[in-house]
Amino acid sequence: MTTSKRYSEAGGLSSCAPRIRRSVESPGAGFIGSNFVRWVLESDPGASVVTLDALTYAGNAENLGGLDPDRHRLVVGDVTRPDDV
């Protein structure tokens, strides 16, 4: 049995995903990070995510637009700066 067959038999990747209730994603405003944040929020209605991103060359707050403010918060900061974390 292949991995993809197991995922499809289980109802897709989302049903196999671990439940992430609270998460900090950094960086999270780029293409990959923002899609991961959306996936977490769509996979589990009880999940909440804080995205920490410096919004440099790849980060863009618009990538996180439309997310539920009760479940997602964008913090503009740098993970290398203790005061931002």
N, C-alpha and C. Protein backbone atom coordinates (compact mmCIF):
# COMPACT_ATOMS: atom_id res chain seq x y z
N MET A 1 0.85 -1.17 0.00
CA MET A 1 0.00 0.00 0.00
C MET A 1 0.90 1.23 0.00
N THR A 2 0.62 2.17 -0.87
CA THR A 2 1.43 3.38 -0.97
C THR A 2 0.97 4.41 0.05
N THR A 3 1.83 5.36 0.33
CA THR A 3 1.49 6.42 1.27
C THR A 3 0.28 7.20 0.79
N SER A 4 0.25 7.54 -0.50
CA SER A 4 -0.87 8.33 -1.01
C SER A 4 -2.18 7.56 -0.89
N LYS A 5 -2.14 6.24 -1.04
CA LYS A 5 -3.35 5.45 -0.89
C LYS A 5 -3.83 5.49 0.56
N ARG A 6 -2.90 5.41 1.50
CA ARG A 6 -3.30 5.49 2.91
C ARG A 6 -3.95 6.83 3.22
N TYR A 7 -3.38 7.92 2.68
CA TYR A 7 -3.98 9.25 2.91
C TYR A 7 -5.39 9.29 2.34
N SER A 8 -5.56 8.78 1.12
CA SER A 8 -6.88 8.85 0.50
C SER A 8 -7.88 7.96 1.24
N GLU A 9 -7.44 6.81 1.73
CA GLU A 9 -8.34 5.94 2.48
C GLU A 9 -8.75 6.58 3.80
N ALA A 10 -7.89 7.39 4.36
CA ALA A 10 -8.18 8.04 5.63
C ALA A 10 -9.00 9.31 5.44
N GLY A 11 -9.27 9.69 4.22
CA GLY A 11 -10.08 10.88 3.97
C GLY A 11 -9.25 12.09 3.59
N GLY A 12 -8.02 11.87 3.18
CA GLY A 12 -7.18 12.98 2.75
C GLY A 12 -6.14 13.35 3.79
N LEU A 13 -5.24 14.21 3.38
CA LEU A 13 -4.14 14.63 4.24
C LEU A 13 -4.63 15.31 5.51
N SER A 14 -5.66 16.11 5.42
CA SER A 14 -6.14 16.85 6.60
C SER A 14 -6.57 15.92 7.72
N SER A 15 -7.18 14.79 7.39
CA SER A 15 -7.64 13.89 8.44
C SER A 15 -6.48 13.15 9.09
N CYS A 16 -5.33 13.10 8.44
CA CYS A 16 -4.15 12.44 9.01
C CYS A 16 -3.29 13.41 9.80
N ALA A 17 -3.57 14.68 9.69
CA ALA A 17 -2.72 15.70 10.31
C ALA A 17 -2.91 15.71 11.82
N PRO A 18 -1.82 15.94 12.55
CA PRO A 18 -1.97 16.09 13.99
C PRO A 18 -2.75 17.37 14.30
N ARG A 19 -3.45 17.37 15.39
CA ARG A 19 -4.20 18.55 15.79
C ARG A 19 -3.25 19.54 16.45
N ILE A 20 -3.17 20.72 15.90
CA ILE A 20 -2.32 21.77 16.42
C ILE A 20 -3.25 22.83 17.00
N ARG A 21 -3.33 22.93 18.31
CA ARG A 21 -4.25 23.88 18.92
C ARG A 21 -3.70 25.29 18.95
N ARG A 22 -2.44 25.44 19.32
CA ARG A 22 -1.80 26.76 19.34
C ARG A 22 -0.45 26.65 18.69
N SER A 23 -0.14 27.59 17.83
CA SER A 23 1.10 27.51 17.09
C SER A 23 1.67 28.90 16.86
N VAL A 24 3.00 28.98 16.85
CA VAL A 24 3.69 30.19 16.43
C VAL A 24 4.43 29.82 15.16
N GLU A 25 4.18 30.53 14.10
CA GLU A 25 4.80 30.27 12.80
C GLU A 25 5.73 31.42 12.48
N SER A 26 7.01 31.11 12.26
CA SER A 26 7.96 32.16 11.91
C SER A 26 9.02 31.61 10.97
N PRO A 27 9.27 32.21 9.87
CA PRO A 27 8.47 33.28 9.29
C PRO A 27 7.17 32.71 8.74
N GLY A 28 6.17 33.53 8.64
CA GLY A 28 4.88 33.00 8.23
C GLY A 28 4.13 33.84 7.24
N ALA A 29 4.70 34.93 6.77
CA ALA A 29 3.98 35.79 5.83
C ALA A 29 4.45 35.62 4.39
N GLY A 30 5.35 34.70 4.15
CA GLY A 30 5.77 34.39 2.79
C GLY A 30 4.82 33.37 2.18
N PHE A 31 5.16 32.88 1.01
CA PHE A 31 4.30 31.94 0.29
C PHE A 31 4.08 30.65 1.08
N ILE A 32 5.16 30.02 1.49
CA ILE A 32 5.04 28.72 2.18
C ILE A 32 4.43 28.90 3.56
N GLY A 33 4.95 29.85 4.33
CA GLY A 33 4.44 30.05 5.69
C GLY A 33 2.97 30.41 5.73
N SER A 34 2.54 31.30 4.86
CA SER A 34 1.13 31.71 4.87
C SER A 34 0.21 30.57 4.46
N ASN A 35 0.66 29.73 3.54
CA ASN A 35 -0.15 28.57 3.16
C ASN A 35 -0.19 27.54 4.29
N PHE A 36 0.91 27.39 5.03
CA PHE A 36 0.90 26.51 6.19
C PHE A 36 -0.07 27.03 7.25
N VAL A 37 -0.06 28.33 7.51
CA VAL A 37 -0.98 28.92 8.48
C VAL A 37 -2.42 28.65 8.06
N ARG A 38 -2.74 28.88 6.80
CA ARG A 38 -4.10 28.62 6.31
C ARG A 38 -4.47 27.14 6.46
N TRP A 39 -3.51 26.25 6.16
CA TRP A 39 -3.76 24.81 6.28
C TRP A 39 -4.07 24.44 7.72
N VAL A 40 -3.30 24.96 8.67
CA VAL A 40 -3.54 24.66 10.09
C VAL A 40 -4.93 25.12 10.49
N LEU A 41 -5.28 26.34 10.13
CA LEU A 41 -6.58 26.88 10.52
C LEU A 41 -7.74 26.16 9.84
N GLU A 42 -7.55 25.72 8.62
CA GLU A 42 -8.61 24.99 7.91
C GLU A 42 -8.71 23.55 8.41
N SER A 43 -7.60 22.98 8.86
CA SER A 43 -7.58 21.58 9.30
C SER A 43 -8.23 21.40 10.65
N ASP A 44 -8.17 22.40 11.50
CA ASP A 44 -8.69 22.27 12.86
C ASP A 44 -9.41 23.55 13.26
N PRO A 45 -10.74 23.50 13.37
CA PRO A 45 -11.50 24.69 13.73
C PRO A 45 -11.16 25.26 15.11
N GLY A 46 -10.50 24.47 15.96
CA GLY A 46 -10.13 24.95 17.28
C GLY A 46 -8.72 25.50 17.37
N ALA A 47 -8.00 25.50 16.25
CA ALA A 47 -6.61 25.95 16.24
C ALA A 47 -6.51 27.47 16.21
N SER A 48 -5.41 27.97 16.76
CA SER A 48 -5.10 29.39 16.64
C SER A 48 -3.61 29.51 16.36
N VAL A 49 -3.25 30.55 15.60
CA VAL A 49 -1.87 30.72 15.15
C VAL A 49 -1.43 32.17 15.35
N VAL A 50 -0.23 32.34 15.86
CA VAL A 50 0.43 33.64 15.89
C VAL A 50 1.55 33.57 14.87
N THR A 51 1.54 34.49 13.92
CA THR A 51 2.59 34.54 12.90
C THR A 51 3.56 35.65 13.26
N LEU A 52 4.84 35.30 13.37
CA LEU A 52 5.90 36.27 13.63
C LEU A 52 6.73 36.39 12.36
N ASP A 53 6.76 37.58 11.79
CA ASP A 53 7.49 37.77 10.54
C ASP A 53 8.03 39.20 10.49
N ALA A 54 9.25 39.34 9.99
CA ALA A 54 9.87 40.65 9.87
C ALA A 54 9.38 41.41 8.64
N LEU A 55 8.62 40.76 7.79
CA LEU A 55 8.08 41.37 6.56
C LEU A 55 9.20 41.97 5.71
N THR A 56 10.24 41.19 5.49
CA THR A 56 11.33 41.63 4.63
C THR A 56 11.00 41.26 3.19
N TYR A 57 11.98 40.85 2.41
CA TYR A 57 11.79 40.65 0.97
C TYR A 57 10.69 39.67 0.60
N ALA A 58 10.51 38.59 1.36
CA ALA A 58 9.52 37.58 0.97
C ALA A 58 8.22 37.70 1.75
N GLY A 59 8.27 38.28 2.93
CA GLY A 59 7.08 38.39 3.77
C GLY A 59 6.16 39.50 3.31
N ASN A 60 4.88 39.20 3.30
CA ASN A 60 3.88 40.17 2.86
C ASN A 60 2.62 39.94 3.68
N ALA A 61 2.20 40.93 4.43
CA ALA A 61 1.02 40.80 5.28
C ALA A 61 -0.23 40.45 4.47
N GLU A 62 -0.28 40.85 3.22
CA GLU A 62 -1.44 40.55 2.37
C GLU A 62 -1.61 39.04 2.16
N ASN A 63 -0.52 38.27 2.27
CA ASN A 63 -0.62 36.81 2.14
C ASN A 63 -1.47 36.20 3.24
N LEU A 64 -1.64 36.92 4.34
CA LEU A 64 -2.42 36.42 5.48
C LEU A 64 -3.78 37.11 5.57
N GLY A 65 -4.12 37.87 4.55
CA GLY A 65 -5.39 38.58 4.54
C GLY A 65 -6.60 37.66 4.58
N GLY A 66 -7.63 38.10 5.23
CA GLY A 66 -8.88 37.35 5.26
C GLY A 66 -8.96 36.29 6.34
N LEU A 67 -7.91 36.13 7.15
CA LEU A 67 -7.95 35.14 8.21
C LEU A 67 -8.75 35.68 9.40
N ASP A 68 -9.38 34.79 10.11
CA ASP A 68 -10.21 35.14 11.26
C ASP A 68 -9.33 35.75 12.36
N PRO A 69 -9.57 37.02 12.72
CA PRO A 69 -8.74 37.67 13.73
C PRO A 69 -8.87 37.05 15.13
N ASP A 70 -9.91 36.27 15.37
CA ASP A 70 -10.04 35.57 16.64
C ASP A 70 -9.14 34.34 16.71
N ARG A 71 -8.65 33.89 15.54
CA ARG A 71 -7.83 32.68 15.50
C ARG A 71 -6.42 32.93 14.98
N HIS A 72 -6.18 34.12 14.44
CA HIS A 72 -4.87 34.42 13.88
C HIS A 72 -4.44 35.83 14.22
N ARG A 73 -3.14 35.96 14.54
CA ARG A 73 -2.58 37.29 14.82
C ARG A 73 -1.22 37.38 14.15
N LEU A 74 -0.98 38.46 13.46
CA LEU A 74 0.32 38.74 12.84
C LEU A 74 1.10 39.68 13.75
N VAL A 75 2.31 39.25 14.12
CA VAL A 75 3.22 40.09 14.90
C VAL A 75 4.40 40.41 13.99
N VAL A 76 4.62 41.69 13.74
CA VAL A 76 5.75 42.10 12.90
C VAL A 76 6.97 42.20 13.81
N GLY A 77 7.93 41.33 13.56
CA GLY A 77 9.13 41.30 14.38
C GLY A 77 10.11 40.30 13.82
N ASP A 78 11.25 40.23 14.48
CA ASP A 78 12.35 39.37 14.03
C ASP A 78 12.60 38.29 15.07
N VAL A 79 12.60 37.06 14.65
CA VAL A 79 12.77 35.93 15.56
C VAL A 79 14.15 35.96 16.24
N THR A 80 15.10 36.68 15.68
CA THR A 80 16.43 36.78 16.28
C THR A 80 16.52 37.84 17.37
N ARG A 81 15.45 38.60 17.56
CA ARG A 81 15.43 39.64 18.59
C ARG A 81 14.55 39.18 19.75
N PRO A 82 15.15 38.92 20.92
CA PRO A 82 14.39 38.41 22.05
C PRO A 82 13.18 39.28 22.42
N ASP A 83 13.28 40.58 22.30
CA ASP A 83 12.16 41.45 22.65
C ASP A 83 10.97 41.27 21.72
N ASP A 84 11.21 40.84 20.48
CA ASP A 84 10.13 40.60 19.53
C ASP A 84 9.42 39.28 19.80
N VAL A 85 10.18 38.34 20.33
CA VAL A 85 9.61 37.01 20.59
C VAL A 85 8.91 37.02 21.92
